[in-house]
Amino acid sequence: MAKQTDPSSMNRRQQFAETYRITKRTDPRIGLWLLLTFLVVGALGFLLFKILPGSGAIEWVLSVVGGILFGTLGALILFSRRAQASAYSQMEGQPGAAAASLNMLKRGWHTDTAIAFNRQQDVVHRVVGPPGIILVGEGNGTRLRALMVSERKKHARVASETPVHEVVVGREDGQVPLDKLMKHLRKMKRQVRPADITDIRNRLKALDASRPAVPLPKGPVPTSMKGMRGR
């Protein structure tokens, strides 16, 4: 089996090449789409610069450079979106997929992965952020109910004034698909001030101290997702 390179040790060019390679597994026409986007958006950029005041060689140089810049930007935006969609499609259904997605949350959000689990490897993760405490379940929806209820009660005891929300990742009714998880969390109503988040996390430390160590199942998380936050 080929040894997987840590994305953090790659430079930008290597990350881009690896992301392209992984994306092409589920999106074989990615190269064609990028070329078409570059040509179409580049042509629009060329025309835009062409109608600006100017004359002679300078006008042509600016138009060509503007077209290249516009085309490159358009292709990069398309590549970013399709790479993200490809990464989610490869991760979906894999153990630890929700954890990998939650770890992409930026400043102001704090993720604790696999705070609770059962023998069937159904897992509950926790996010503390502007909406309060969010328990994110990953696994079988039916089996997760008891686990989520238990965790909700535990968190309500140590942080009774903090809203506790439940989210289950999946494709069934009432669940949130993996590729929409980040957007769903960010759209939740803000109910906690940033200054209170530190206090909430300190209260939860006592709860976590009594838990056994939970080894998060190691699934094949695409490199494109591992490097997505930095890009």
C-alpha atoms as a PDB file:
ATOM      1  CA  MET A   1       0.000   0.000   0.000  1.00  0.00           C
ATOM      2  CA  ALA A   2       1.371   3.419  -0.939  1.00  0.00           C
ATOM      3  CA  LYS A   3       2.262   5.628   1.971  1.00  0.00           C
ATOM      4  CA  GLN A   4      -0.001   8.680   2.199  1.00  0.00           C
ATOM      5  CA  THR A   5       1.813  11.995   2.383  1.00  0.00           C
ATOM      6  CA  ASP A   6       0.843  14.425   5.122  1.00  0.00           C
ATOM      7  CA  PRO A   7      -0.678  17.500   3.401  1.00  0.00           C
ATOM      8  CA  SER A   8       0.906  19.797   5.999  1.00  0.00           C
ATOM      9  CA  SER A   9       4.348  18.805   4.690  1.00  0.00           C
ATOM     10  CA  MET A  10       3.470  19.701   1.082  1.00  0.00           C
ATOM     11  CA  ASN A  11       4.035  23.050  -0.564  1.00  0.00           C
ATOM     12  CA  ARG A  12       1.190  24.823  -2.373  1.00  0.00           C
ATOM     13  CA  ARG A  13       1.988  23.321  -5.747  1.00  0.00           C
ATOM     14  CA  GLN A  14       2.101  19.787  -4.328  1.00  0.00           C
ATOM     15  CA  GLN A  15      -1.174  20.324  -2.460  1.00  0.00           C
ATOM     16  CA  PHE A  16      -2.812  21.581  -5.631  1.00  0.00           C
ATOM     17  CA  ALA A  17      -1.577  18.597  -7.648  1.00  0.00           C
ATOM     18  CA  GLU A  18      -2.690  16.107  -4.976  1.00  0.00           C
ATOM     19  CA  THR A  19      -6.092  17.767  -4.662  1.00  0.00           C
ATOM     20  CA  TYR A  20      -6.525  17.636  -8.441  1.00  0.00           C
ATOM     21  CA  ARG A  21      -5.594  13.954  -8.508  1.00  0.00           C
ATOM     22  CA  ILE A  22      -8.091  13.064  -5.784  1.00  0.00           C
ATOM     23  CA  THR A  23     -10.839  15.212  -7.269  1.00  0.00           C
ATOM     24  CA  LYS A  24     -10.450  13.502 -10.647  1.00  0.00           C
ATOM     25  CA  ARG A  25     -11.415  10.165  -9.086  1.00  0.00           C
ATOM     26  CA  THR A  26     -15.033  11.256  -8.746  1.00  0.00           C
ATOM     27  CA  ASP A  27     -14.999  14.114 -11.253  1.00  0.00           C
ATOM     28  CA  PRO A  28     -13.123  12.799 -14.320  1.00  0.00           C
ATOM     29  CA  ARG A  29     -14.045  15.831 -16.438  1.00  0.00           C
ATOM     30  CA  ILE A  30     -12.585  18.341 -14.005  1.00  0.00           C
ATOM     31  CA  GLY A  31      -9.762  19.217 -16.413  1.00  0.00           C
ATOM     32  CA  LEU A  32     -12.199  19.985 -19.243  1.00  0.00           C
ATOM     33  CA  TRP A  33     -14.375  22.142 -16.984  1.00  0.00           C
ATOM     34  CA  LEU A  34     -11.368  24.106 -15.769  1.00  0.00           C
ATOM     35  CA  LEU A  35     -10.172  24.717 -19.326  1.00  0.00           C
ATOM     36  CA  LEU A  36     -13.612  25.873 -20.486  1.00  0.00           C
ATOM     37  CA  THR A  37     -13.976  28.151 -17.475  1.00  0.00           C
ATOM     38  CA  PHE A  38     -10.552  29.659 -18.070  1.00  0.00           C
ATOM     39  CA  LEU A  39     -11.356  30.345 -21.737  1.00  0.00           C
ATOM     40  CA  VAL A  40     -14.851  31.763 -21.183  1.00  0.00           C
ATOM     41  CA  VAL A  41     -14.053  33.920 -18.164  1.00  0.00           C
ATOM     42  CA  GLY A  42     -10.726  34.910 -19.704  1.00  0.00           C
ATOM     43  CA  ALA A  43     -12.500  36.062 -22.864  1.00  0.00           C
ATOM     44  CA  LEU A  44     -14.889  38.162 -20.781  1.00  0.00           C
ATOM     45  CA  GLY A  45     -11.952  39.667 -18.924  1.00  0.00           C
ATOM     46  CA  PHE A  46     -10.205  40.423 -22.218  1.00  0.00           C
ATOM     47  CA  LEU A  47     -13.283  42.208 -23.571  1.00  0.00           C
ATOM     48  CA  LEU A  48     -13.742  44.138 -20.338  1.00  0.00           C
ATOM     49  CA  PHE A  49     -10.205  45.511 -20.457  1.00  0.00           C
ATOM     50  CA  LYS A  50     -10.477  46.104 -24.211  1.00  0.00           C
ATOM     51  CA  ILE A  51     -13.303  48.611 -23.797  1.00  0.00           C
ATOM     52  CA  LEU A  52     -11.384  50.625 -21.212  1.00  0.00           C
ATOM     53  CA  PRO A  53      -9.744  53.835 -22.430  1.00  0.00           C
ATOM     54  CA  GLY A  54      -6.358  53.206 -24.035  1.00  0.00           C
ATOM     55  CA  SER A  55      -4.654  52.671 -27.348  1.00  0.00           C
ATOM     56  CA  GLY A  56      -1.851  50.840 -29.084  1.00  0.00           C
ATOM     57  CA  ALA A  57       0.308  48.124 -27.529  1.00  0.00           C
ATOM     58  CA  ILE A  58      -0.535  49.056 -23.920  1.00  0.00           C
ATOM     59  CA  GLU A  59      -4.219  48.403 -24.558  1.00  0.00           C
ATOM     60  CA  TRP A  60      -3.489  44.921 -25.926  1.00  0.00           C
ATOM     61  CA  VAL A  61      -1.075  44.056 -23.131  1.00  0.00           C
ATOM     62  CA  LEU A  62      -3.559  45.085 -20.447  1.00  0.00           C
ATOM     63  CA  SER A  63      -6.363  43.191 -22.178  1.00  0.00           C
ATOM     64  CA  VAL A  64      -4.316  39.983 -22.444  1.00  0.00           C
ATOM     65  CA  VAL A  65      -3.070  40.211 -18.854  1.00  0.00           C
ATOM     66  CA  GLY A  66      -6.581  41.003 -17.617  1.00  0.00           C
ATOM     67  CA  GLY A  67      -7.998  38.065 -19.541  1.00  0.00           C
ATOM     68  CA  ILE A  68      -5.417  35.685 -18.068  1.00  0.00           C
ATOM     69  CA  LEU A  69      -6.066  36.946 -14.535  1.00  0.00           C
ATOM     70  CA  PHE A  70      -9.850  36.703 -14.876  1.00  0.00           C
ATOM     71  CA  GLY A  71      -9.619  33.254 -16.461  1.00  0.00           C
ATOM     72  CA  THR A  72      -7.290  31.958 -13.753  1.00  0.00           C
ATOM     73  CA  LEU A  73      -9.479  33.322 -10.976  1.00  0.00           C
ATOM     74  CA  GLY A  74     -12.599  31.773 -12.493  1.00  0.00           C
ATOM     75  CA  ALA A  75     -10.900  28.397 -12.890  1.00  0.00           C
ATOM     76  CA  LEU A  76      -9.608  28.455  -9.300  1.00  0.00           C
ATOM     77  CA  ILE A  77     -13.059  29.269  -7.899  1.00  0.00           C
ATOM     78  CA  LEU A  78     -14.617  26.421  -9.898  1.00  0.00           C
ATOM     79  CA  PHE A  79     -11.835  24.039  -8.875  1.00  0.00           C
ATOM     80  CA  SER A  80     -12.289  24.888  -5.195  1.00  0.00           C
ATOM     81  CA  ARG A  81     -16.017  24.155  -5.303  1.00  0.00           C
ATOM     82  CA  ARG A  82     -15.748  20.943  -7.277  1.00  0.00           C
ATOM     83  CA  ALA A  83     -12.839  19.721  -5.132  1.00  0.00           C
ATOM     84  CA  GLN A  84     -14.877  20.317  -2.000  1.00  0.00           C
ATOM     85  CA  ALA A  85     -17.884  18.490  -3.454  1.00  0.00           C
ATOM     86  CA  SER A  86     -15.626  15.594  -4.489  1.00  0.00           C
ATOM     87  CA  ALA A  87     -14.046  15.413  -1.044  1.00  0.00           C
ATOM     88  CA  TYR A  88     -17.436  15.247   0.672  1.00  0.00           C
ATOM     89  CA  SER A  89     -18.654  12.537  -1.717  1.00  0.00           C
ATOM     90  CA  GLN A  90     -15.579  10.416  -0.937  1.00  0.00           C
ATOM     91  CA  MET A  91     -15.874  10.978   2.804  1.00  0.00           C
ATOM     92  CA  GLU A  92     -19.608  10.365   3.145  1.00  0.00           C
ATOM     93  CA  GLY A  93     -20.335   7.137   4.993  1.00  0.00           C
ATOM     94  CA  GLN A  94     -16.756   6.781   6.235  1.00  0.00           C
ATOM     95  CA  PRO A  95     -16.086   6.643  10.013  1.00  0.00           C
ATOM     96  CA  GLY A  96     -14.873  10.028  11.229  1.00  0.00           C
ATOM     97  CA  ALA A  97     -16.184  11.949   8.193  1.00  0.00           C
ATOM     98  CA  ALA A  98     -18.204  14.400  10.294  1.00  0.00           C
ATOM     99  CA  ALA A  99     -15.215  14.970  12.578  1.00  0.00           C
ATOM    100  CA  ALA A 100     -13.036  15.856   9.590  1.00  0.00           C
ATOM    101  CA  SER A 101     -15.644  18.357   8.428  1.00  0.00           C
ATOM    102  CA  LEU A 102     -16.100  19.897  11.888  1.00  0.00           C
ATOM    103  CA  ASN A 103     -12.356  20.413  12.241  1.00  0.00           C
ATOM    104  CA  MET A 104     -12.569  22.894   9.378  1.00  0.00           C
ATOM    105  CA  LEU A 105     -14.552  25.338  11.526  1.00  0.00           C
ATOM    106  CA  LYS A 106     -12.575  28.503  12.073  1.00  0.00           C
ATOM    107  CA  ARG A 107     -12.006  30.894  14.965  1.00  0.00           C
ATOM    108  CA  GLY A 108     -14.901  31.211  17.379  1.00  0.00           C
ATOM    109  CA  TRP A 109     -15.862  27.536  17.047  1.00  0.00           C
ATOM    110  CA  HIS A 110     -14.349  24.797  19.204  1.00  0.00           C
ATOM    111  CA  THR A 111     -14.692  21.138  18.255  1.00  0.00           C
ATOM    112  CA  ASP A 112     -14.203  18.103  20.490  1.00  0.00           C
ATOM    113  CA  THR A 113     -14.404  14.922  18.445  1.00  0.00           C
ATOM    114  CA  ALA A 114     -15.782  11.601  19.675  1.00  0.00           C
ATOM    115  CA  ILE A 115     -16.823  12.645  23.167  1.00  0.00           C
ATOM    116  CA  ALA A 116     -19.165   9.632  23.359  1.00  0.00           C
ATOM    117  CA  PHE A 117     -19.587   6.365  21.473  1.00  0.00           C
ATOM    118  CA  ASN A 118     -21.130   2.918  21.601  1.00  0.00           C
ATOM    119  CA  ARG A 119     -20.011  -0.565  20.602  1.00  0.00           C
ATOM    120  CA  GLN A 120     -21.350  -0.125  17.068  1.00  0.00           C
ATOM    121  CA  GLN A 121     -19.029   2.885  16.566  1.00  0.00           C
ATOM    122  CA  ASP A 122     -21.837   5.438  16.529  1.00  0.00           C
ATOM    123  CA  VAL A 123     -20.144   8.619  17.718  1.00  0.00           C
ATOM    124  CA  VAL A 124     -21.144  11.976  19.182  1.00  0.00           C
ATOM    125  CA  HIS A 125     -18.952  15.023  18.572  1.00  0.00           C
ATOM    126  CA  ARG A 126     -19.321  18.388  20.294  1.00  0.00           C
ATOM    127  CA  VAL A 127     -19.041  21.894  18.955  1.00  0.00           C
ATOM    128  CA  VAL A 128     -19.058  24.973  21.190  1.00  0.00           C
ATOM    129  CA  GLY A 129     -19.728  28.193  19.327  1.00  0.00           C
ATOM    130  CA  PRO A 130     -22.077  31.159  18.940  1.00  0.00           C
ATOM    131  CA  PRO A 131     -25.250  28.975  18.935  1.00  0.00           C
ATOM    132  CA  GLY A 132     -24.193  27.318  22.209  1.00  0.00           C
ATOM    133  CA  ILE A 133     -23.372  23.617  22.577  1.00  0.00           C
ATOM    134  CA  ILE A 134     -24.034  21.510  19.491  1.00  0.00           C
ATOM    135  CA  LEU A 135     -23.969  17.726  19.766  1.00  0.00           C
ATOM    136  CA  VAL A 136     -23.269  16.199  16.366  1.00  0.00           C
ATOM    137  CA  GLY A 137     -24.165  12.532  15.972  1.00  0.00           C
ATOM    138  CA  GLU A 138     -22.523  10.316  13.363  1.00  0.00           C
ATOM    139  CA  GLY A 139     -23.738   6.786  12.686  1.00  0.00           C
ATOM    140  CA  ASN A 140     -27.049   4.929  12.811  1.00  0.00           C
ATOM    141  CA  GLY A 141     -29.885   7.379  13.551  1.00  0.00           C
ATOM    142  CA  THR A 142     -31.907   4.913  15.614  1.00  0.00           C
ATOM    143  CA  ARG A 143     -28.998   3.876  17.821  1.00  0.00           C
ATOM    144  CA  LEU A 144     -27.852   7.467  18.216  1.00  0.00           C
ATOM    145  CA  ARG A 145     -31.070   8.584  19.913  1.00  0.00           C
ATOM    146  CA  ALA A 146     -30.233   7.136  23.308  1.00  0.00           C
ATOM    147  CA  LEU A 147     -26.634   8.332  23.055  1.00  0.00           C
ATOM    148  CA  MET A 148     -27.696  11.868  22.137  1.00  0.00           C
ATOM    149  CA  VAL A 149     -30.311  12.044  24.904  1.00  0.00           C
ATOM    150  CA  SER A 150     -27.752  10.889  27.457  1.00  0.00           C
ATOM    151  CA  GLU A 151     -25.208  13.475  26.304  1.00  0.00           C
ATOM    152  CA  ARG A 152     -27.783  16.247  26.269  1.00  0.00           C
ATOM    153  CA  LYS A 153     -28.652  15.557  29.906  1.00  0.00           C
ATOM    154  CA  LYS A 154     -24.985  15.485  30.932  1.00  0.00           C
ATOM    155  CA  HIS A 155     -24.260  18.802  29.225  1.00  0.00           C
ATOM    156  CA  ALA A 156     -27.401  20.431  30.581  1.00  0.00           C
ATOM    157  CA  ARG A 157     -26.279  19.574  34.125  1.00  0.00           C
ATOM    158  CA  VAL A 158     -22.896  21.289  33.845  1.00  0.00           C
ATOM    159  CA  ALA A 159     -24.003  24.174  31.594  1.00  0.00           C
ATOM    160  CA  SER A 160     -27.671  24.622  32.407  1.00  0.00           C
ATOM    161  CA  GLU A 161     -27.915  28.182  31.047  1.00  0.00           C
ATOM    162  CA  THR A 162     -26.364  27.301  27.697  1.00  0.00           C
ATOM    163  CA  PRO A 163     -28.556  26.145  24.786  1.00  0.00           C
ATOM    164  CA  VAL A 164     -27.832  22.556  23.773  1.00  0.00           C
ATOM    165  CA  HIS A 165     -28.621  21.558  20.187  1.00  0.00           C
ATOM    166  CA  GLU A 166     -28.623  18.152  18.499  1.00  0.00           C
ATOM    167  CA  VAL A 167     -27.619  17.474  14.897  1.00  0.00           C
ATOM    168  CA  VAL A 168     -27.407  14.044  13.277  1.00  0.00           C
ATOM    169  CA  VAL A 169     -25.383  13.711  10.083  1.00  0.00           C
ATOM    170  CA  GLY A 170     -26.981  11.620   7.361  1.00  0.00           C
ATOM    171  CA  ARG A 171     -29.478  11.471   4.504  1.00  0.00           C
ATOM    172  CA  GLU A 172     -32.577  10.412   6.428  1.00  0.00           C
ATOM    173  CA  ASP A 173     -35.478  12.684   7.389  1.00  0.00           C
ATOM    174  CA  GLY A 174     -34.481  15.250   9.993  1.00  0.00           C
ATOM    175  CA  GLN A 175     -30.773  14.661   9.409  1.00  0.00           C
ATOM    176  CA  VAL A 176     -28.182  16.997   7.873  1.00  0.00           C
ATOM    177  CA  PRO A 177     -26.138  15.761   4.893  1.00  0.00           C
ATOM    178  CA  LEU A 178     -22.388  15.855   5.394  1.00  0.00           C
ATOM    179  CA  ASP A 179     -21.835  18.385   2.612  1.00  0.00           C
ATOM    180  CA  LYS A 180     -24.329  20.784   4.225  1.00  0.00           C
ATOM    181  CA  LEU A 181     -23.146  20.357   7.820  1.00  0.00           C
ATOM    182  CA  MET A 182     -20.865  23.412   7.918  1.00  0.00           C
ATOM    183  CA  LYS A 183     -23.498  25.678   6.361  1.00  0.00           C
ATOM    184  CA  HIS A 184     -26.151  24.356   8.751  1.00  0.00           C
ATOM    185  CA  LEU A 185     -24.066  25.138  11.830  1.00  0.00           C
ATOM    186  CA  ARG A 186     -23.130  28.622  10.639  1.00  0.00           C
ATOM    187  CA  LYS A 187     -26.783  29.489   9.962  1.00  0.00           C
ATOM    188  CA  MET A 188     -27.893  28.551  13.471  1.00  0.00           C
ATOM    189  CA  LYS A 189     -29.086  31.415  15.652  1.00  0.00           C
ATOM    190  CA  ARG A 190     -26.342  33.046  17.723  1.00  0.00           C
ATOM    191  CA  GLN A 191     -27.279  32.714  21.394  1.00  0.00           C
ATOM    192  CA  VAL A 192     -23.915  32.860  23.188  1.00  0.00           C
ATOM    193  CA  ARG A 193     -21.529  35.787  23.431  1.00  0.00           C
ATOM    194  CA  PRO A 194     -17.890  35.123  22.500  1.00  0.00           C
ATOM    195  CA  ALA A 195     -16.835  36.122  26.023  1.00  0.00           C
ATOM    196  CA  ASP A 196     -18.986  33.305  27.492  1.00  0.00           C
ATOM    197  CA  ILE A 197     -17.577  30.531  25.325  1.00  0.00           C
ATOM    198  CA  THR A 198     -14.407  30.213  27.437  1.00  0.00           C
ATOM    199  CA  ASP A 199     -16.491  29.795  30.591  1.00  0.00           C
ATOM    200  CA  ILE A 200     -18.640  27.134  28.911  1.00  0.00           C
ATOM    201  CA  ARG A 201     -15.582  25.188  27.797  1.00  0.00           C
ATOM    202  CA  ASN A 202     -14.112  25.328  31.300  1.00  0.00           C
ATOM    203  CA  ARG A 203     -17.326  23.830  32.698  1.00  0.00           C
ATOM    204  CA  LEU A 204     -17.206  21.029  30.169  1.00  0.00           C
ATOM    205  CA  LYS A 205     -13.656  20.072  31.151  1.00  0.00           C
ATOM    206  CA  ALA A 206     -14.924  18.476  34.352  1.00  0.00           C
ATOM    207  CA  LEU A 207     -17.415  16.427  32.347  1.00  0.00           C
ATOM    208  CA  ASP A 208     -14.754  15.289  29.884  1.00  0.00           C
ATOM    209  CA  ALA A 209     -12.287  14.403  32.627  1.00  0.00           C
ATOM    210  CA  SER A 210     -14.489  11.493  33.694  1.00  0.00           C
ATOM    211  CA  ARG A 211     -14.698  10.007  30.216  1.00  0.00           C
ATOM    212  CA  PRO A 212     -12.531   7.164  28.872  1.00  0.00           C
ATOM    213  CA  ALA A 213     -10.281   7.903  25.927  1.00  0.00           C
ATOM    214  CA  VAL A 214     -12.155   7.412  22.674  1.00  0.00           C
ATOM    215  CA  PRO A 215     -10.080   6.356  19.647  1.00  0.00           C
ATOM    216  CA  LEU A 216     -11.721   7.985  16.628  1.00  0.00           C
ATOM    217  CA  PRO A 217     -12.094   5.442  13.810  1.00  0.00           C
ATOM    218  CA  LYS A 218      -9.514   6.082  11.119  1.00  0.00           C
ATOM    219  CA  GLY A 219     -11.247   6.357   7.745  1.00  0.00           C
ATOM    220  CA  PRO A 220      -9.726   7.415   4.417  1.00  0.00           C
ATOM    221  CA  VAL A 221     -10.129  11.172   4.619  1.00  0.00           C
ATOM    222  CA  PRO A 222      -9.266  12.754   1.246  1.00  0.00           C
ATOM    223  CA  THR A 223      -6.245  15.045   1.126  1.00  0.00           C
ATOM    224  CA  SER A 224      -8.417  17.651  -0.576  1.00  0.00           C
ATOM    225  CA  MET A 225     -10.480  17.941   2.608  1.00  0.00           C
ATOM    226  CA  LYS A 226      -7.422  17.955   4.884  1.00  0.00           C
ATOM    227  CA  GLY A 227      -5.988  20.950   3.049  1.00  0.00           C
ATOM    228  CA  MET A 228      -9.285  22.727   2.317  1.00  0.00           C
ATOM    229  CA  ARG A 229      -9.283  24.995   5.347  1.00  0.00           C
ATOM    230  CA  GLY A 230      -5.841  26.446   4.589  1.00  0.00           C
ATOM    231  CA  ARG A 231      -6.781  27.148   0.984  1.00  0.00           C
END
